[in-house]
């Protein structure tokens, strides 16, 4: 079995609250994003882009999420507001993958959106191969107009996911995977 197959068999997401320093440095991040971009992209449209959240800017983004949550949910208890404020704060590095799917005469938008999803997964696989852990999430704020505007998401763009990266700190126990017999069917059988 190749190293790639071994990696794919063992890969699993680590929730952001279990990710700690160190995260990828600038050189590693550049390599990770280069690898992430090596996905199927019919027509070479590059129907996605990256927004990197790190350092103080990540802390400001996390605080903004908390502020918008409080505005949207004025009756929410303080502990829930604090919880929401930490959604982007746990991992040392967060990469938003933004889907830029557009109308095209030959390539449907859904295919372009799948390409953005493939970017998220490639990023996770590359991070794992580099010795990091991560998770791919969206959460409610990936669809909030105030958050999208603050993050510079343009009209017609959507967040395909936030990929949280760091070093596993107290990795949770592995969960069971689905039984293949329950999710695989064969045409004509």
C-alpha atoms as a PDB file:
ATOM      1  CA  UNK A   1       0.000   0.000   0.000  1.00  0.00           C
ATOM      2  CA  UNK A   2       1.338   3.457  -0.853  1.00  0.00           C
ATOM      3  CA  UNK A   3       1.794   6.194   1.733  1.00  0.00           C
ATOM      4  CA  UNK A   4      -1.109   8.038   0.100  1.00  0.00           C
ATOM      5  CA  UNK A   5      -3.485   5.118   0.636  1.00  0.00           C
ATOM      6  CA  UNK A   6      -2.343   4.750   4.247  1.00  0.00           C
ATOM      7  CA  UNK A   7      -2.932   8.459   4.827  1.00  0.00           C
ATOM      8  CA  UNK A   8      -6.415   8.328   3.285  1.00  0.00           C
ATOM      9  CA  UNK A   9      -7.364   5.288   5.377  1.00  0.00           C
ATOM     10  CA  UNK A  10      -6.362   7.013   8.613  1.00  0.00           C
ATOM     11  CA  UNK A  11      -7.419  10.615   7.920  1.00  0.00           C
ATOM     12  CA  UNK A  12     -10.127  12.069  10.079  1.00  0.00           C
ATOM     13  CA  UNK A  13     -11.248  15.484  11.135  1.00  0.00           C
ATOM     14  CA  UNK A  14     -10.164  16.987  14.424  1.00  0.00           C
ATOM     15  CA  UNK A  15     -12.617  19.557  15.840  1.00  0.00           C
ATOM     16  CA  UNK A  16     -11.192  23.098  16.044  1.00  0.00           C
ATOM     17  CA  UNK A  17     -11.236  23.123  19.864  1.00  0.00           C
ATOM     18  CA  UNK A  18      -8.684  20.267  19.746  1.00  0.00           C
ATOM     19  CA  UNK A  19      -6.291  22.131  17.425  1.00  0.00           C
ATOM     20  CA  UNK A  20      -3.355  23.971  18.945  1.00  0.00           C
ATOM     21  CA  UNK A  21      -0.098  25.645  17.987  1.00  0.00           C
ATOM     22  CA  UNK A  22       1.911  25.204  15.989  1.00  0.00           C
ATOM     23  CA  UNK A  23      -0.071  25.743  12.854  1.00  0.00           C
ATOM     24  CA  UNK A  24       1.450  25.952   9.387  1.00  0.00           C
ATOM     25  CA  UNK A  25       4.041  28.713   8.963  1.00  0.00           C
ATOM     26  CA  UNK A  26       4.091  30.984   5.884  1.00  0.00           C
ATOM     27  CA  UNK A  27       6.158  28.597   3.760  1.00  0.00           C
ATOM     28  CA  UNK A  28       4.023  25.614   4.738  1.00  0.00           C
ATOM     29  CA  UNK A  29       0.830  27.595   4.121  1.00  0.00           C
ATOM     30  CA  UNK A  30       2.012  28.563   0.651  1.00  0.00           C
ATOM     31  CA  UNK A  31       2.744  24.916  -0.124  1.00  0.00           C
ATOM     32  CA  UNK A  32      -0.617  23.808   1.313  1.00  0.00           C
ATOM     33  CA  UNK A  33      -2.563  26.329  -0.770  1.00  0.00           C
ATOM     34  CA  UNK A  34      -0.623  25.364  -3.900  1.00  0.00           C
ATOM     35  CA  UNK A  35      -1.522  21.722  -3.310  1.00  0.00           C
ATOM     36  CA  UNK A  36      -5.127  22.588  -2.440  1.00  0.00           C
ATOM     37  CA  UNK A  37      -5.478  24.323  -5.810  1.00  0.00           C
ATOM     38  CA  UNK A  38      -4.486  21.141  -7.687  1.00  0.00           C
ATOM     39  CA  UNK A  39      -8.037  19.869  -8.082  1.00  0.00           C
ATOM     40  CA  UNK A  40     -10.246  19.039 -11.055  1.00  0.00           C
ATOM     41  CA  UNK A  41     -11.182  22.370 -12.619  1.00  0.00           C
ATOM     42  CA  UNK A  42     -13.062  21.864 -15.892  1.00  0.00           C
ATOM     43  CA  UNK A  43     -12.273  24.802 -18.179  1.00  0.00           C
ATOM     44  CA  UNK A  44      -9.513  26.076 -15.866  1.00  0.00           C
ATOM     45  CA  UNK A  45     -11.966  28.598 -14.412  1.00  0.00           C
ATOM     46  CA  UNK A  46     -10.404  28.625 -10.914  1.00  0.00           C
ATOM     47  CA  UNK A  47     -13.900  28.942  -9.415  1.00  0.00           C
ATOM     48  CA  UNK A  48     -12.613  29.516  -5.879  1.00  0.00           C
ATOM     49  CA  UNK A  49     -10.282  31.687  -3.861  1.00  0.00           C
ATOM     50  CA  UNK A  50      -8.779  31.685  -0.377  1.00  0.00           C
ATOM     51  CA  UNK A  51      -9.108  33.997   2.612  1.00  0.00           C
ATOM     52  CA  UNK A  52      -6.508  33.268   5.317  1.00  0.00           C
ATOM     53  CA  UNK A  53      -7.325  34.103   8.941  1.00  0.00           C
ATOM     54  CA  UNK A  54      -4.373  34.189  11.314  1.00  0.00           C
ATOM     55  CA  UNK A  55      -2.991  36.193  14.219  1.00  0.00           C
ATOM     56  CA  UNK A  56      -4.822  39.327  15.309  1.00  0.00           C
ATOM     57  CA  UNK A  57      -6.960  39.402  12.163  1.00  0.00           C
ATOM     58  CA  UNK A  58      -8.324  35.953  13.074  1.00  0.00           C
ATOM     59  CA  UNK A  59      -9.119  37.219  16.579  1.00  0.00           C
ATOM     60  CA  UNK A  60     -10.965  40.229  15.102  1.00  0.00           C
ATOM     61  CA  UNK A  61     -12.914  37.947  12.749  1.00  0.00           C
ATOM     62  CA  UNK A  62     -13.867  35.693  15.671  1.00  0.00           C
ATOM     63  CA  UNK A  63     -15.047  38.723  17.675  1.00  0.00           C
ATOM     64  CA  UNK A  64     -17.092  39.886  14.690  1.00  0.00           C
ATOM     65  CA  UNK A  65     -18.834  36.495  14.546  1.00  0.00           C
ATOM     66  CA  UNK A  66     -19.768  36.915  18.224  1.00  0.00           C
ATOM     67  CA  UNK A  67     -21.046  40.463  17.655  1.00  0.00           C
ATOM     68  CA  UNK A  68     -23.210  39.442  14.711  1.00  0.00           C
ATOM     69  CA  UNK A  69     -24.543  36.449  16.647  1.00  0.00           C
ATOM     70  CA  UNK A  70     -25.517  38.760  19.535  1.00  0.00           C
ATOM     71  CA  UNK A  71     -27.215  41.146  17.086  1.00  0.00           C
ATOM     72  CA  UNK A  72     -29.151  38.273  15.462  1.00  0.00           C
ATOM     73  CA  UNK A  73     -29.991  36.654  18.840  1.00  0.00           C
ATOM     74  CA  UNK A  74     -30.462  39.421  21.434  1.00  0.00           C
ATOM     75  CA  UNK A  75     -31.965  36.986  23.963  1.00  0.00           C
ATOM     76  CA  UNK A  76     -29.057  34.531  23.784  1.00  0.00           C
ATOM     77  CA  UNK A  77     -27.265  33.865  27.070  1.00  0.00           C
ATOM     78  CA  UNK A  78     -23.701  35.154  27.427  1.00  0.00           C
ATOM     79  CA  UNK A  79     -22.204  31.661  27.393  1.00  0.00           C
ATOM     80  CA  UNK A  80     -23.779  30.999  23.965  1.00  0.00           C
ATOM     81  CA  UNK A  81     -22.444  34.333  22.649  1.00  0.00           C
ATOM     82  CA  UNK A  82     -18.996  33.436  24.011  1.00  0.00           C
ATOM     83  CA  UNK A  83     -19.220  30.010  22.351  1.00  0.00           C
ATOM     84  CA  UNK A  84     -20.073  31.562  18.987  1.00  0.00           C
ATOM     85  CA  UNK A  85     -17.275  34.126  19.413  1.00  0.00           C
ATOM     86  CA  UNK A  86     -14.732  31.311  19.598  1.00  0.00           C
ATOM     87  CA  UNK A  87     -15.751  29.472  16.409  1.00  0.00           C
ATOM     88  CA  UNK A  88     -12.863  30.980  14.416  1.00  0.00           C
ATOM     89  CA  UNK A  89     -10.527  31.391  17.391  1.00  0.00           C
ATOM     90  CA  UNK A  90      -9.587  27.816  18.319  1.00  0.00           C
ATOM     91  CA  UNK A  91      -7.277  26.705  15.510  1.00  0.00           C
ATOM     92  CA  UNK A  92      -4.009  28.561  14.898  1.00  0.00           C
ATOM     93  CA  UNK A  93      -4.946  29.058  11.240  1.00  0.00           C
ATOM     94  CA  UNK A  94      -8.257  29.128   9.381  1.00  0.00           C
ATOM     95  CA  UNK A  95      -8.607  29.201   5.603  1.00  0.00           C
ATOM     96  CA  UNK A  96     -11.940  30.150   4.075  1.00  0.00           C
ATOM     97  CA  UNK A  97     -12.413  28.589   0.668  1.00  0.00           C
ATOM     98  CA  UNK A  98     -14.723  30.856  -1.312  1.00  0.00           C
ATOM     99  CA  UNK A  99     -16.690  29.389  -4.194  1.00  0.00           C
ATOM    100  CA  UNK A 100     -16.742  31.793  -7.154  1.00  0.00           C
ATOM    101  CA  UNK A 101     -19.003  29.682  -9.364  1.00  0.00           C
ATOM    102  CA  UNK A 102     -20.369  31.697 -12.279  1.00  0.00           C
ATOM    103  CA  UNK A 103     -22.637  31.091 -15.249  1.00  0.00           C
ATOM    104  CA  UNK A 104     -20.694  29.457 -18.058  1.00  0.00           C
ATOM    105  CA  UNK A 105     -21.827  28.197 -21.444  1.00  0.00           C
ATOM    106  CA  UNK A 106     -20.281  24.726 -20.983  1.00  0.00           C
ATOM    107  CA  UNK A 107     -19.522  24.208 -17.286  1.00  0.00           C
ATOM    108  CA  UNK A 108     -22.458  24.116 -14.850  1.00  0.00           C
ATOM    109  CA  UNK A 109     -22.242  26.022 -11.587  1.00  0.00           C
ATOM    110  CA  UNK A 110     -22.665  22.855  -9.524  1.00  0.00           C
ATOM    111  CA  UNK A 111     -19.514  21.426 -11.121  1.00  0.00           C
ATOM    112  CA  UNK A 112     -17.617  24.581 -10.205  1.00  0.00           C
ATOM    113  CA  UNK A 113     -18.918  24.327  -6.620  1.00  0.00           C
ATOM    114  CA  UNK A 114     -17.724  20.722  -6.430  1.00  0.00           C
ATOM    115  CA  UNK A 115     -14.289  21.970  -7.459  1.00  0.00           C
ATOM    116  CA  UNK A 116     -14.330  24.351  -4.465  1.00  0.00           C
ATOM    117  CA  UNK A 117     -15.271  21.429  -2.212  1.00  0.00           C
ATOM    118  CA  UNK A 118     -12.394  19.423  -3.652  1.00  0.00           C
ATOM    119  CA  UNK A 119     -10.084  22.318  -2.727  1.00  0.00           C
ATOM    120  CA  UNK A 120     -11.225  22.027   0.904  1.00  0.00           C
ATOM    121  CA  UNK A 121     -10.543  18.305   0.947  1.00  0.00           C
ATOM    122  CA  UNK A 122      -7.180  18.616  -0.804  1.00  0.00           C
ATOM    123  CA  UNK A 123      -6.209  21.181   1.820  1.00  0.00           C
ATOM    124  CA  UNK A 124      -7.106  18.755   4.617  1.00  0.00           C
ATOM    125  CA  UNK A 125      -5.213  15.873   2.988  1.00  0.00           C
ATOM    126  CA  UNK A 126      -2.129  18.012   2.363  1.00  0.00           C
ATOM    127  CA  UNK A 127      -2.184  19.305   5.949  1.00  0.00           C
ATOM    128  CA  UNK A 128      -2.416  15.757   7.288  1.00  0.00           C
ATOM    129  CA  UNK A 129       0.497  14.686   5.068  1.00  0.00           C
ATOM    130  CA  UNK A 130       2.494  17.626   6.442  1.00  0.00           C
ATOM    131  CA  UNK A 131       1.820  16.528  10.026  1.00  0.00           C
ATOM    132  CA  UNK A 132      -1.048  18.878  10.866  1.00  0.00           C
ATOM    133  CA  UNK A 133      -4.659  18.135  11.661  1.00  0.00           C
ATOM    134  CA  UNK A 134      -7.772  19.967  10.651  1.00  0.00           C
ATOM    135  CA  UNK A 135     -11.479  20.112  10.001  1.00  0.00           C
ATOM    136  CA  UNK A 136     -13.712  21.513   7.279  1.00  0.00           C
ATOM    137  CA  UNK A 137     -16.790  23.351   8.542  1.00  0.00           C
ATOM    138  CA  UNK A 138     -19.232  25.997   7.397  1.00  0.00           C
ATOM    139  CA  UNK A 139     -21.390  27.062  10.397  1.00  0.00           C
ATOM    140  CA  UNK A 140     -24.207  29.615  10.338  1.00  0.00           C
ATOM    141  CA  UNK A 141     -21.955  32.616   9.723  1.00  0.00           C
ATOM    142  CA  UNK A 142     -20.861  31.253   6.337  1.00  0.00           C
ATOM    143  CA  UNK A 143     -24.289  32.395   5.122  1.00  0.00           C
ATOM    144  CA  UNK A 144     -24.714  35.642   7.068  1.00  0.00           C
ATOM    145  CA  UNK A 145     -24.729  38.750   4.860  1.00  0.00           C
ATOM    146  CA  UNK A 146     -22.977  40.984   7.437  1.00  0.00           C
ATOM    147  CA  UNK A 147     -20.191  38.429   7.950  1.00  0.00           C
ATOM    148  CA  UNK A 148     -19.802  37.840   4.219  1.00  0.00           C
ATOM    149  CA  UNK A 149     -19.524  41.582   3.564  1.00  0.00           C
ATOM    150  CA  UNK A 150     -16.993  42.032   6.389  1.00  0.00           C
ATOM    151  CA  UNK A 151     -14.875  39.166   5.009  1.00  0.00           C
ATOM    152  CA  UNK A 152     -14.909  40.672   1.512  1.00  0.00           C
ATOM    153  CA  UNK A 153     -17.127  38.002  -0.041  1.00  0.00           C
ATOM    154  CA  UNK A 154     -18.493  39.466  -3.249  1.00  0.00           C
ATOM    155  CA  UNK A 155     -21.957  39.184  -4.781  1.00  0.00           C
ATOM    156  CA  UNK A 156     -22.410  35.687  -6.188  1.00  0.00           C
ATOM    157  CA  UNK A 157     -19.627  34.156  -4.085  1.00  0.00           C
ATOM    158  CA  UNK A 158     -20.253  31.675  -1.271  1.00  0.00           C
ATOM    159  CA  UNK A 159     -18.126  30.081   1.398  1.00  0.00           C
ATOM    160  CA  UNK A 160     -17.462  26.441   0.531  1.00  0.00           C
ATOM    161  CA  UNK A 161     -15.992  25.964   3.977  1.00  0.00           C
ATOM    162  CA  UNK A 162     -13.655  27.127   6.688  1.00  0.00           C
ATOM    163  CA  UNK A 163     -10.689  24.760   6.962  1.00  0.00           C
ATOM    164  CA  UNK A 164      -9.270  24.935  10.502  1.00  0.00           C
ATOM    165  CA  UNK A 165      -5.619  23.845  10.730  1.00  0.00           C
ATOM    166  CA  UNK A 166      -3.279  23.178  13.610  1.00  0.00           C
ATOM    167  CA  UNK A 167      -1.670  20.439  15.635  1.00  0.00           C
ATOM    168  CA  UNK A 168      -3.936  17.869  17.280  1.00  0.00           C
ATOM    169  CA  UNK A 169      -4.099  18.498  21.017  1.00  0.00           C
ATOM    170  CA  UNK A 170      -5.860  15.670  22.832  1.00  0.00           C
ATOM    171  CA  UNK A 171      -7.292  14.133  19.678  1.00  0.00           C
ATOM    172  CA  UNK A 172     -10.806  12.775  20.290  1.00  0.00           C
ATOM    173  CA  UNK A 173     -11.522   9.076  19.832  1.00  0.00           C
ATOM    174  CA  UNK A 174     -12.159   7.885  16.298  1.00  0.00           C
ATOM    175  CA  UNK A 175     -15.805   7.456  15.372  1.00  0.00           C
ATOM    176  CA  UNK A 176     -17.198   4.539  13.475  1.00  0.00           C
ATOM    177  CA  UNK A 177     -17.342   4.817   9.740  1.00  0.00           C
ATOM    178  CA  UNK A 178     -20.449   3.841   7.785  1.00  0.00           C
ATOM    179  CA  UNK A 179     -20.775   0.218   6.758  1.00  0.00           C
ATOM    180  CA  UNK A 180     -20.097   0.105   3.013  1.00  0.00           C
ATOM    181  CA  UNK A 181     -22.974  -2.334   2.530  1.00  0.00           C
ATOM    182  CA  UNK A 182     -25.380   0.413   3.613  1.00  0.00           C
ATOM    183  CA  UNK A 183     -24.066   3.112   1.265  1.00  0.00           C
ATOM    184  CA  UNK A 184     -23.013   1.243  -1.882  1.00  0.00           C
ATOM    185  CA  UNK A 185     -25.332  -0.054  -4.555  1.00  0.00           C
ATOM    186  CA  UNK A 186     -24.457  -1.595  -7.899  1.00  0.00           C
ATOM    187  CA  UNK A 187     -26.338  -0.667 -11.010  1.00  0.00           C
ATOM    188  CA  UNK A 188     -27.895  -3.682 -12.645  1.00  0.00           C
ATOM    189  CA  UNK A 189     -27.610  -6.019  -9.661  1.00  0.00           C
END
